[in-house]
N, C-alpha and C. Protein backbone atom coordinates (compact mmCIF):
# COMPACT_ATOMS: atom_id res chain seq x y z
N MET A 1 288.76 -37.35 265.44
CA MET A 1 287.09 -37.50 265.27
C MET A 1 286.37 -37.75 264.93
N ALA A 2 286.80 -37.63 263.20
CA ALA A 2 285.91 -37.25 262.28
C ALA A 2 285.54 -38.88 262.13
N SER A 3 286.27 -40.11 262.81
CA SER A 3 285.85 -40.95 261.51
C SER A 3 285.09 -41.52 262.94
N MET A 4 285.23 -40.94 263.98
CA MET A 4 284.18 -41.33 264.71
C MET A 4 282.46 -40.20 264.54
N GLU A 5 282.71 -39.72 263.92
CA GLU A 5 281.68 -38.38 263.18
C GLU A 5 280.61 -39.88 262.05
N ASN A 6 281.74 -40.22 261.25
CA ASN A 6 281.21 -40.72 260.22
C ASN A 6 280.78 -42.12 260.72
N SER A 7 281.15 -42.33 261.51
CA SER A 7 280.35 -43.48 261.95
C SER A 7 279.30 -42.94 262.58
N VAL A 8 278.89 -41.58 263.81
CA VAL A 8 277.75 -42.17 263.64
C VAL A 8 277.02 -41.58 262.73
N GLN A 9 277.19 -41.07 261.54
CA GLN A 9 275.94 -40.22 260.43
C GLN A 9 275.37 -41.56 259.57
N ASN A 10 276.95 -42.64 260.04
CA ASN A 10 277.10 -44.01 258.90
C ASN A 10 275.48 -45.04 260.15
N ILE A 11 275.37 -45.16 261.56
CA ILE A 11 274.41 -45.38 261.89
C ILE A 11 273.12 -44.35 261.76
N LEU A 12 273.55 -42.88 261.33
CA LEU A 12 272.27 -41.96 261.89
C LEU A 12 271.58 -42.42 260.45
N ASP A 13 271.94 -43.42 259.09
CA ASP A 13 271.35 -42.45 258.18
C ASP A 13 271.07 -45.02 257.94
N GLU A 14 271.25 -45.62 259.30
CA GLU A 14 270.98 -47.30 258.78
C GLU A 14 269.96 -47.32 259.91
N SER A 15 269.55 -45.74 260.89
CA SER A 15 268.37 -46.31 261.30
C SER A 15 267.22 -44.94 260.84
N ILE A 16 267.53 -43.82 259.73
CA ILE A 16 266.24 -43.83 258.47
C ILE A 16 266.34 -44.99 258.06
N GLU A 17 267.08 -45.31 257.05
CA GLU A 17 267.01 -46.61 256.41
C GLU A 17 265.89 -47.83 257.62
N GLN A 18 266.45 -47.85 258.46
CA GLN A 18 264.85 -49.07 259.26
C GLN A 18 263.67 -48.06 259.43
N ALA A 19 263.88 -47.34 260.22
CA ALA A 19 262.38 -46.98 259.77
C ALA A 19 261.45 -46.33 258.80
N ASN A 20 261.55 -46.03 257.66
CA ASN A 20 261.21 -45.97 256.09
C ASN A 20 261.33 -47.99 256.08
N ARG A 21 261.99 -48.49 255.89
CA ARG A 21 260.90 -50.27 256.13
C ARG A 21 260.34 -50.31 257.07
N SER A 22 259.93 -50.04 257.61
CA SER A 22 258.99 -49.69 259.37
C SER A 22 257.73 -49.46 257.94
N LEU A 23 257.99 -48.23 257.75
CA LEU A 23 256.50 -47.81 256.84
C LEU A 23 255.91 -48.24 255.82
N GLU A 24 256.63 -49.16 255.05
CA GLU A 24 256.50 -50.35 254.48
C GLU A 24 255.53 -51.62 254.41
N SER A 25 255.29 -51.37 255.96
CA SER A 25 254.46 -52.19 256.71
C SER A 25 253.17 -52.25 256.38
N GLN A 26 252.50 -53.06 255.44
CA GLN A 26 251.15 -52.85 255.59
C GLN A 26 250.31 -53.36 256.99
N GLU A 27 251.13 -53.88 258.38
CA GLU A 27 250.27 -54.00 259.51
C GLU A 27 250.44 -53.17 259.90
N LEU A 28 252.12 -52.06 260.29
CA LEU A 28 251.58 -51.17 260.77
C LEU A 28 250.63 -50.20 260.53
N LEU A 29 250.70 -49.84 258.65
CA LEU A 29 249.53 -48.29 258.36
C LEU A 29 247.86 -49.71 258.39
N LYS A 30 247.44 -50.16 258.73
CA LYS A 30 246.54 -50.36 259.52
C LYS A 30 246.43 -50.43 261.02
N GLN A 31 247.07 -50.69 261.98
CA GLN A 31 246.76 -50.40 263.57
C GLN A 31 247.29 -49.03 263.16
N ALA A 32 248.01 -47.82 262.08
CA ALA A 32 247.99 -46.71 262.54
C ALA A 32 246.46 -45.92 262.64
N GLN A 33 245.53 -46.83 261.05
CA GLN A 33 244.53 -46.61 260.38
C GLN A 33 243.13 -46.96 262.20
N ASP A 34 243.77 -47.82 262.55
CA ASP A 34 242.55 -48.32 264.03
C ASP A 34 243.12 -47.36 264.78
N MET A 35 244.29 -47.37 265.50
CA MET A 35 244.27 -45.99 265.80
C MET A 35 244.33 -44.95 266.13
N VAL A 36 243.99 -44.10 264.94
CA VAL A 36 243.46 -42.99 264.60
C VAL A 36 241.83 -42.89 264.98
N ILE A 37 241.43 -44.27 263.96
CA ILE A 37 239.87 -43.74 264.15
C ILE A 37 239.03 -44.22 265.33
N LYS A 38 239.85 -45.45 266.64
CA LYS A 38 239.36 -45.28 268.02
C LYS A 38 239.85 -43.82 268.78
N ASN A 39 240.98 -43.07 267.98
CA ASN A 39 241.22 -41.75 269.21
C ASN A 39 240.60 -40.41 268.74
N GLU A 40 240.10 -40.53 267.17
CA GLU A 40 239.35 -39.71 267.06
C GLU A 40 238.49 -39.69 266.71
N LYS A 41 237.87 -40.01 266.31
CA LYS A 41 236.31 -40.77 267.15
C LYS A 41 235.49 -40.55 265.68
N VAL A 42 236.40 -41.44 264.68
CA VAL A 42 236.19 -40.82 263.25
C VAL A 42 236.09 -42.92 262.72
N ASP A 43 235.12 -42.44 261.67
CA ASP A 43 234.76 -44.11 260.94
C ASP A 43 235.88 -43.91 259.07
N LYS A 44 236.03 -44.92 259.38
CA LYS A 44 237.30 -45.35 258.06
C LYS A 44 237.00 -44.43 257.51
N ASP A 45 235.97 -43.63 256.57
CA ASP A 45 235.45 -43.72 255.54
C ASP A 45 236.72 -42.27 255.98
N THR A 46 236.41 -41.72 257.20
CA THR A 46 236.38 -40.79 256.81
C THR A 46 238.40 -40.50 257.56
N ALA A 47 238.80 -41.77 257.86
CA ALA A 47 240.54 -41.06 257.44
C ALA A 47 241.09 -42.39 257.37
N PRO A 48 241.08 -42.88 256.46
CA PRO A 48 241.57 -43.98 254.81
C PRO A 48 242.83 -42.98 254.70
N ILE A 49 243.81 -44.18 254.87
CA ILE A 49 245.25 -44.32 255.23
C ILE A 49 245.88 -43.50 254.67
N SER A 50 245.34 -42.96 252.83
CA SER A 50 245.84 -41.93 252.35
C SER A 50 245.59 -40.26 253.47
N ARG A 51 244.73 -39.94 253.77
CA ARG A 51 244.84 -39.39 255.41
C ARG A 51 245.23 -39.31 256.58
N ILE A 52 246.44 -39.94 256.63
CA ILE A 52 246.94 -40.44 258.11
C ILE A 52 248.12 -39.97 258.12
N THR A 53 248.55 -39.25 258.96
CA THR A 53 250.13 -39.46 258.58
C THR A 53 250.48 -40.01 260.08
N VAL A 54 251.85 -40.97 258.82
CA VAL A 54 252.57 -42.42 260.17
C VAL A 54 253.80 -41.69 260.41
N LEU A 55 254.36 -41.74 261.83
CA LEU A 55 256.02 -41.69 262.34
C LEU A 55 256.31 -42.64 262.11
N GLY A 56 257.53 -43.32 261.82
CA GLY A 56 258.26 -44.50 262.39
C GLY A 56 259.84 -43.65 263.49
N GLY A 57 259.67 -44.01 263.99
CA GLY A 57 261.87 -44.05 265.06
C GLY A 57 262.10 -44.85 265.03
N VAL A 58 263.72 -44.82 264.48
CA VAL A 58 264.88 -45.43 264.85
C VAL A 58 265.72 -45.27 265.99
N LEU A 59 265.99 -45.61 267.14
CA LEU A 59 267.14 -44.10 267.68
C LEU A 59 268.53 -45.58 268.30
N TRP A 60 269.05 -45.16 268.66
CA TRP A 60 270.12 -45.49 268.47
C TRP A 60 271.34 -45.39 270.40
N ASN A 61 271.63 -46.17 270.78
CA ASN A 61 272.23 -45.95 271.62
C ASN A 61 273.71 -45.88 271.87
N LYS A 62 274.86 -44.99 271.65
CA LYS A 62 276.36 -45.17 271.55
C LYS A 62 277.01 -44.51 273.47
N THR A 63 276.13 -44.54 274.19
CA THR A 63 276.85 -44.00 275.61
C THR A 63 277.15 -45.65 275.67
N LYS A 64 277.50 -45.03 277.14
CA LYS A 64 278.21 -46.16 278.17
C LYS A 64 277.14 -47.25 278.79
N GLY A 65 276.27 -47.02 278.43
CA GLY A 65 275.17 -47.18 279.46
C GLY A 65 273.81 -47.66 279.33
N SER A 66 273.21 -48.15 279.20
CA SER A 66 271.57 -47.47 278.88
C SER A 66 270.96 -46.24 278.90
N LEU A 67 269.71 -46.40 277.95
CA LEU A 67 269.02 -44.84 278.30
C LEU A 67 268.05 -45.03 279.20
N SER A 68 267.26 -44.17 280.51
CA SER A 68 265.86 -44.92 280.97
C SER A 68 266.01 -42.96 280.13
N VAL A 69 264.06 -43.57 279.76
CA VAL A 69 263.05 -42.29 280.13
C VAL A 69 262.80 -41.72 280.81
N MET A 70 262.75 -40.13 280.29
CA MET A 70 263.51 -39.91 282.05
C MET A 70 261.54 -38.82 281.86
N ASP A 71 261.76 -38.51 280.66
CA ASP A 71 260.12 -37.82 280.29
C ASP A 71 260.51 -37.55 279.68
N GLU A 72 258.55 -37.19 279.03
CA GLU A 72 258.66 -37.39 277.40
C GLU A 72 257.20 -36.13 277.41
N HIS A 73 256.64 -35.20 276.77
CA HIS A 73 255.76 -34.78 276.51
C HIS A 73 254.67 -35.01 274.40
N LYS A 74 253.56 -35.15 273.90
CA LYS A 74 252.80 -35.41 273.43
C LYS A 74 252.31 -34.17 273.02
N TYR A 75 252.32 -33.07 272.31
CA TYR A 75 251.23 -32.24 271.18
C TYR A 75 250.42 -32.72 270.71
N ALA A 76 250.98 -33.62 269.29
CA ALA A 76 250.22 -34.15 268.23
C ALA A 76 249.96 -35.41 268.55
N GLY A 77 248.82 -36.09 267.62
CA GLY A 77 248.59 -37.22 267.42
C GLY A 77 249.02 -38.70 268.16
N HIS A 78 248.71 -39.56 268.09
CA HIS A 78 248.69 -41.29 268.93
C HIS A 78 250.02 -41.52 268.77
N PHE A 79 250.42 -42.25 269.77
CA PHE A 79 251.75 -43.33 269.51
C PHE A 79 251.11 -44.62 269.23
N LEU A 80 251.69 -45.79 268.28
CA LEU A 80 251.37 -47.08 268.22
C LEU A 80 251.99 -48.06 268.52
N THR A 81 253.48 -47.86 269.12
CA THR A 81 254.65 -47.57 269.85
C THR A 81 255.59 -46.76 270.65
N GLY A 82 255.19 -46.50 271.88
CA GLY A 82 255.82 -46.33 273.43
C GLY A 82 257.63 -45.98 272.54
N TYR A 83 258.42 -44.86 273.12
CA TYR A 83 259.55 -45.27 273.25
C TYR A 83 260.56 -46.32 273.67
N PRO A 84 261.22 -47.07 272.96
CA PRO A 84 262.18 -47.85 274.02
C PRO A 84 262.46 -47.32 275.31
N ASN A 85 262.67 -48.26 276.09
CA ASN A 85 262.34 -47.99 277.70
C ASN A 85 262.89 -49.35 278.78
N PRO A 86 263.64 -49.34 279.09
CA PRO A 86 265.15 -47.99 278.87
C PRO A 86 265.40 -48.40 277.34
N LEU A 87 266.55 -48.03 277.42
CA LEU A 87 267.58 -47.91 275.41
C LEU A 87 268.62 -48.38 275.29
N LYS A 88 268.68 -50.16 275.53
CA LYS A 88 269.85 -50.58 275.28
C LYS A 88 270.86 -50.16 274.30
N VAL A 89 270.24 -50.89 273.52
CA VAL A 89 271.56 -50.43 271.96
C VAL A 89 270.57 -50.05 271.06
N THR A 90 269.48 -50.08 270.70
CA THR A 90 268.53 -49.78 269.51
C THR A 90 266.91 -50.30 270.09
N GLY A 91 265.95 -49.22 269.57
CA GLY A 91 265.18 -49.40 269.59
C GLY A 91 263.15 -48.61 268.65
N ASN A 92 262.86 -48.32 268.57
CA ASN A 92 261.72 -48.66 267.58
C ASN A 92 260.88 -48.09 268.48
N PHE A 93 259.76 -46.76 267.98
CA PHE A 93 259.27 -46.07 267.54
C PHE A 93 258.16 -45.65 267.14
N GLY A 94 256.30 -45.38 266.69
CA GLY A 94 255.44 -45.11 266.43
C GLY A 94 253.91 -44.25 266.80
N MET A 95 254.41 -43.03 265.65
CA MET A 95 253.08 -42.51 266.17
C MET A 95 251.88 -41.98 264.49
N SER A 96 251.40 -41.90 264.78
CA SER A 96 249.76 -41.68 263.59
C SER A 96 249.04 -40.25 264.36
N ALA A 97 248.54 -39.80 263.60
CA ALA A 97 247.41 -38.62 263.38
C ALA A 97 246.39 -38.63 261.83
N LEU A 98 245.61 -38.11 262.17
CA LEU A 98 244.96 -37.83 260.82
C LEU A 98 246.00 -36.35 260.44
N SER A 99 245.99 -36.59 259.41
CA SER A 99 246.89 -35.56 258.26
C SER A 99 246.82 -34.21 259.21
N ASN A 100 245.83 -34.19 258.84
CA ASN A 100 245.42 -31.87 259.55
C ASN A 100 245.97 -32.21 260.64
N LYS A 101 246.23 -32.82 261.69
CA LYS A 101 246.51 -32.86 263.00
C LYS A 101 248.57 -33.44 262.80
N GLY A 102 249.10 -34.32 262.21
CA GLY A 102 249.97 -34.60 262.81
C GLY A 102 250.23 -34.84 263.62
N VAL A 103 251.03 -35.05 263.90
CA VAL A 103 252.21 -35.65 264.96
C VAL A 103 253.37 -34.93 265.52
N LYS A 104 253.60 -35.08 266.51
CA LYS A 104 254.32 -33.88 267.23
C LYS A 104 254.92 -34.48 269.21
N ALA A 105 256.24 -34.46 269.19
CA ALA A 105 256.46 -35.25 270.43
C ALA A 105 257.98 -34.38 270.59
N ALA A 106 257.15 -35.33 272.55
CA ALA A 106 259.46 -34.61 272.81
C ALA A 106 259.34 -36.01 273.87
N VAL A 107 260.84 -36.26 273.95
CA VAL A 107 261.38 -37.24 274.90
C VAL A 107 263.03 -36.76 275.19
N VAL A 108 262.73 -36.91 276.08
CA VAL A 108 263.85 -36.78 277.23
C VAL A 108 264.43 -38.13 278.00
N TYR A 109 265.65 -38.59 277.18
CA TYR A 109 266.70 -40.04 277.85
C TYR A 109 267.27 -39.43 278.77
N SER A 110 267.69 -40.18 280.33
CA SER A 110 268.72 -40.14 280.59
C SER A 110 269.63 -40.90 281.11
N GLY A 111 270.93 -40.85 281.68
CA GLY A 111 271.50 -41.59 281.39
C GLY A 111 273.62 -41.23 281.88
N LYS A 112 273.99 -42.13 281.80
CA LYS A 112 275.53 -41.62 282.12
C LYS A 112 276.38 -41.94 280.40
N ASN A 113 277.56 -40.48 280.67
CA ASN A 113 278.30 -40.07 279.94
C ASN A 113 279.91 -41.73 280.15
N LYS A 114 280.46 -41.45 279.24
CA LYS A 114 281.93 -42.44 279.60
C LYS A 114 282.38 -41.68 280.70
N GLN A 115 282.18 -40.60 281.34
CA GLN A 115 282.72 -40.67 282.87
C GLN A 115 282.62 -40.55 283.66
N GLY A 116 280.83 -40.64 283.38
CA GLY A 116 280.30 -41.91 284.61
C GLY A 116 279.51 -40.64 285.18
N VAL A 117 279.18 -39.51 284.39
CA VAL A 117 278.30 -38.45 284.70
C VAL A 117 277.06 -38.61 284.11
N GLU A 118 276.00 -37.92 285.24
CA GLU A 118 274.31 -37.94 284.56
C GLU A 118 274.78 -37.06 284.06
N CYS A 119 273.72 -37.24 282.61
CA CYS A 119 273.71 -36.04 281.69
C CYS A 119 271.81 -36.86 280.88
N GLY A 120 271.80 -36.00 280.69
CA GLY A 120 269.84 -36.13 279.37
C GLY A 120 270.29 -35.87 278.48
N TRP A 121 269.43 -36.24 277.56
CA TRP A 121 269.31 -35.92 276.17
C TRP A 121 267.92 -36.02 275.59
N LEU A 122 267.79 -34.54 275.00
CA LEU A 122 266.04 -33.99 274.47
C LEU A 122 266.18 -34.50 273.14
N LEU A 123 264.93 -34.64 272.15
CA LEU A 123 264.52 -35.45 271.16
C LEU A 123 263.50 -35.24 270.88
N ALA A 124 262.92 -33.81 270.19
CA ALA A 124 262.32 -33.81 270.29
C ALA A 124 261.42 -33.06 268.17
N PHE A 125 259.83 -33.59 267.43
CA PHE A 125 259.78 -34.32 266.46
C PHE A 125 258.97 -34.26 265.88
N ALA A 126 258.53 -33.31 264.74
CA ALA A 126 257.76 -33.62 264.09
C ALA A 126 256.90 -33.04 262.87
N ASP A 127 255.60 -33.61 262.12
CA ASP A 127 255.01 -33.95 261.16
C ASP A 127 253.42 -33.06 261.50
N THR A 128 253.56 -32.30 260.79
CA THR A 128 252.50 -31.64 260.97
C THR A 128 251.94 -31.16 259.46
N LYS A 129 251.00 -30.57 259.67
CA LYS A 129 250.70 -29.52 258.24
C LYS A 129 251.17 -28.17 258.68
N ASN A 130 250.76 -27.55 259.86
CA ASN A 130 251.53 -25.81 259.66
C ASN A 130 252.69 -25.99 260.25
N THR A 131 253.41 -27.40 260.19
CA THR A 131 255.30 -27.38 260.45
C THR A 131 255.62 -27.96 259.41
N GLY A 132 255.73 -28.70 258.91
CA GLY A 132 256.20 -28.95 257.91
C GLY A 132 257.56 -30.60 258.85
N ARG A 133 257.85 -30.98 258.57
CA ARG A 133 259.45 -32.46 258.80
C ARG A 133 260.00 -31.61 259.84
N ARG A 134 260.55 -31.38 261.11
CA ARG A 134 260.97 -30.90 261.65
C ARG A 134 261.45 -32.18 262.97
N ILE A 135 262.93 -31.20 263.61
CA ILE A 135 263.56 -32.21 265.02
C ILE A 135 264.41 -31.59 265.28
N TYR A 136 264.73 -31.49 266.83
CA TYR A 136 264.76 -30.84 267.16
C TYR A 136 266.03 -31.27 269.18
N GLY A 137 266.88 -30.90 268.92
CA GLY A 137 267.89 -31.66 270.01
C GLY A 137 268.26 -31.27 271.50
N GLU A 138 268.57 -31.13 272.44
CA GLU A 138 269.27 -30.88 273.15
C GLU A 138 270.01 -32.00 273.56
N CYS A 139 271.08 -31.80 275.08
CA CYS A 139 272.09 -32.78 275.07
C CYS A 139 272.98 -31.54 276.93
N GLY A 140 273.28 -32.83 277.42
CA GLY A 140 273.95 -32.23 278.64
C GLY A 140 274.10 -32.49 280.13
N ALA A 141 274.69 -32.15 280.86
CA ALA A 141 273.94 -32.19 282.34
C ALA A 141 272.27 -32.64 282.85
N ILE A 142 272.24 -33.73 283.57
CA ILE A 142 271.21 -33.49 283.76
C ILE A 142 270.26 -32.57 284.85
N ASP A 143 270.63 -31.55 284.86
CA ASP A 143 270.41 -30.51 286.05
C ASP A 143 269.54 -29.87 284.69
N LYS A 144 270.40 -30.00 283.64
CA LYS A 144 269.84 -28.45 282.69
C LYS A 144 268.01 -29.32 282.38
N PHE A 145 267.69 -31.32 282.61
CA PHE A 145 266.16 -31.68 282.16
C PHE A 145 265.50 -31.37 283.26
N ALA A 146 265.96 -31.26 284.40
CA ALA A 146 264.96 -30.83 285.41
C ALA A 146 263.47 -30.63 285.94
N ASN A 147 263.77 -29.26 284.95
CA ASN A 147 262.28 -28.47 284.05
C ASN A 147 262.00 -27.74 283.54
N ILE A 148 261.90 -28.81 282.62
CA ILE A 148 261.45 -29.02 280.62
C ILE A 148 260.37 -28.45 280.70
N ASP A 149 260.89 -26.85 280.05
CA ASP A 149 259.95 -25.43 279.51
C ASP A 149 259.27 -26.44 278.31
N TRP A 150 257.80 -26.86 278.04
CA TRP A 150 257.63 -27.43 276.86
C TRP A 150 256.64 -26.76 276.07
N ALA A 151 256.30 -25.47 276.42
CA ALA A 151 255.93 -24.90 275.54
C ALA A 151 257.32 -23.65 274.71
N GLN A 152 259.09 -23.89 275.32
CA GLN A 152 259.97 -23.09 274.69
C GLN A 152 260.19 -24.81 273.74
N VAL A 153 260.79 -25.10 274.06
CA VAL A 153 261.07 -27.08 273.10
C VAL A 153 259.66 -27.05 271.99
N GLU A 154 258.50 -26.86 272.03
CA GLU A 154 257.48 -26.63 270.69
C GLU A 154 257.93 -25.38 269.68
N THR A 155 258.14 -24.78 270.84
CA THR A 155 258.43 -23.44 269.64
C THR A 155 259.74 -23.90 268.98
N ASN A 156 261.24 -23.90 269.82
CA ASN A 156 262.37 -24.13 269.20
C ASN A 156 262.08 -25.19 267.90
N LEU A 157 260.80 -26.26 267.73
CA LEU A 157 260.89 -27.08 267.23
C LEU A 157 260.12 -27.37 265.98
N ASN A 158 259.40 -25.48 266.33
CA ASN A 158 258.57 -24.99 265.48
C ASN A 158 259.29 -24.26 264.28
N ASN A 159 261.11 -24.19 265.75
CA ASN A 159 261.58 -22.83 264.05
C ASN A 159 262.33 -23.67 263.66
N ALA A 160 262.97 -24.98 263.73
CA ALA A 160 264.79 -25.87 263.66
C ALA A 160 263.45 -26.75 262.11
N GLY A 161 265.01 -27.14 262.11
CA GLY A 161 265.13 -27.73 260.60
C GLY A 161 264.86 -29.43 260.49
N ALA A 162 265.58 -29.86 259.14
CA ALA A 162 265.22 -31.61 259.69
C ALA A 162 266.32 -32.01 259.69
N VAL A 163 267.70 -31.40 260.10
CA VAL A 163 268.44 -32.01 260.54
C VAL A 163 269.00 -31.27 262.55
N ALA A 164 268.82 -32.44 263.23
CA ALA A 164 270.04 -31.79 265.04
C ALA A 164 270.88 -32.41 265.16
N GLU A 165 271.70 -31.55 265.11
CA GLU A 165 272.98 -32.71 265.50
C GLU A 165 273.81 -30.97 266.96
N PRO A 166 272.90 -31.03 268.06
CA PRO A 166 273.34 -30.76 269.63
C PRO A 166 274.57 -31.31 269.87
N SER A 167 275.64 -31.18 270.59
CA SER A 167 276.13 -31.52 271.81
C SER A 167 276.53 -30.61 272.72
N ASP A 168 277.12 -30.55 273.59
CA ASP A 168 277.60 -30.25 275.32
C ASP A 168 278.70 -30.21 275.39
N GLN A 169 280.03 -29.29 275.33
CA GLN A 169 281.22 -29.82 274.80
C GLN A 169 281.65 -30.60 277.24
N ALA A 170 280.96 -29.50 277.62
CA ALA A 170 281.48 -30.22 279.29
C ALA A 170 280.59 -31.11 279.82
N THR A 171 280.49 -31.70 278.96
CA THR A 171 279.85 -33.66 279.84
C THR A 171 280.20 -34.58 278.33
N GLY A 172 280.51 -34.05 276.90
CA GLY A 172 281.07 -34.77 276.02
C GLY A 172 279.84 -35.21 274.79
N THR A 173 278.48 -35.16 275.18
CA THR A 173 277.59 -35.57 274.69
C THR A 173 277.08 -34.86 273.84
N SER A 174 276.47 -35.28 272.81
CA SER A 174 275.72 -35.92 271.39
C SER A 174 274.76 -36.34 271.33
N LEU A 175 273.74 -35.49 270.28
CA LEU A 175 273.33 -36.07 270.15
C LEU A 175 272.72 -35.86 268.01
N TYR A 176 272.65 -36.56 267.78
CA TYR A 176 272.38 -36.59 265.75
C TYR A 176 271.61 -36.88 265.59
N ALA A 177 270.45 -36.09 264.67
CA ALA A 177 268.70 -36.74 265.42
C ALA A 177 269.12 -36.77 262.82
N ARG A 178 267.77 -36.42 262.49
CA ARG A 178 267.58 -36.90 260.82
C ARG A 178 265.70 -37.19 260.82
N ILE A 179 265.35 -36.25 259.88
CA ILE A 179 263.32 -36.62 260.26
C ILE A 179 264.04 -36.24 258.32
N VAL A 180 262.88 -37.52 257.78
CA VAL A 180 262.98 -37.58 256.39
C VAL A 180 261.21 -37.96 256.24
N GLY A 181 260.88 -38.05 255.15
CA GLY A 181 259.40 -38.59 254.90
C GLY A 181 258.66 -37.49 253.34
N SER A 182 257.50 -38.64 253.14
CA SER A 182 257.06 -38.28 251.85
C SER A 182 255.85 -38.83 251.76
N SER A 183 254.55 -38.09 251.65
CA SER A 183 253.09 -37.94 251.33
C SER A 183 252.68 -39.26 252.58
N GLY A 184 252.35 -38.07 253.92
CA GLY A 184 251.70 -38.66 254.95
C GLY A 184 252.90 -40.09 255.20
N LYS A 185 253.74 -39.95 255.64
CA LYS A 185 254.81 -40.52 256.20
C LYS A 185 255.89 -39.70 256.30
N SER A 186 255.70 -40.42 257.59
CA SER A 186 257.75 -39.68 258.54
C SER A 186 258.86 -40.84 258.70
N ALA A 187 260.30 -40.19 258.88
CA ALA A 187 261.30 -41.55 259.39
C ALA A 187 261.96 -40.88 259.88
N VAL A 188 261.75 -40.87 261.71
CA VAL A 188 262.44 -40.42 262.94
C VAL A 188 264.32 -41.14 262.73
N GLY A 189 265.38 -41.03 262.46
CA GLY A 189 266.72 -41.50 262.96
C GLY A 189 267.49 -40.43 264.21
N GLY A 190 267.26 -41.03 265.51
CA GLY A 190 268.16 -40.64 266.10
C GLY A 190 269.42 -41.70 266.74
N VAL A 191 271.07 -40.45 266.84
CA VAL A 191 271.88 -41.76 267.97
C VAL A 191 272.26 -40.23 269.03
N PHE A 192 272.16 -41.11 270.22
CA PHE A 192 272.68 -40.87 271.33
C PHE A 192 274.06 -41.12 271.96
N SER A 193 275.30 -40.31 271.97
CA SER A 193 276.44 -40.35 272.28
C SER A 193 276.69 -39.53 273.78
N GLY A 194 277.63 -40.21 273.85
CA GLY A 194 278.74 -39.32 275.53
C GLY A 194 279.36 -39.74 275.59
């Protein structure tokens, strides 16, 4: 079990590294600035790169098959690239916003665990002026995610830290996730297993 956890931690480290590399792309930063200018209806002087929060994420699927986006919720910010759907092995997503508003969102993936049981994995993250960098997760049987209370997810996210490692013994599912960053750039890494 320890070697599997080390393997998952190595994958999580790699996903954070990949997300951080994507944040160095001048093309991504320009895309983030353009997205904020368009959606916030501000001019370039109001939204210089220094006043924009950019978040890059890399997700890994370590389950038996592909995962599909079952539901999602955006609290703040704008998507540059949506969540990978389906999530076969790995995929990227990105968000941006004015720094004073920040980014905050959640996604629920569904798929089968190793026993062929339909399960769900919820990942929520934030980089806002009010909350700072936060990440939250849940996993388990699919019916747990039938009627999601997004306000409760937001409360849980606001009270979370920079690492999330939920697991569900009944389904054998787990989620390892982390958020890191500095000066308006955040990287999210997540590994879904089961």
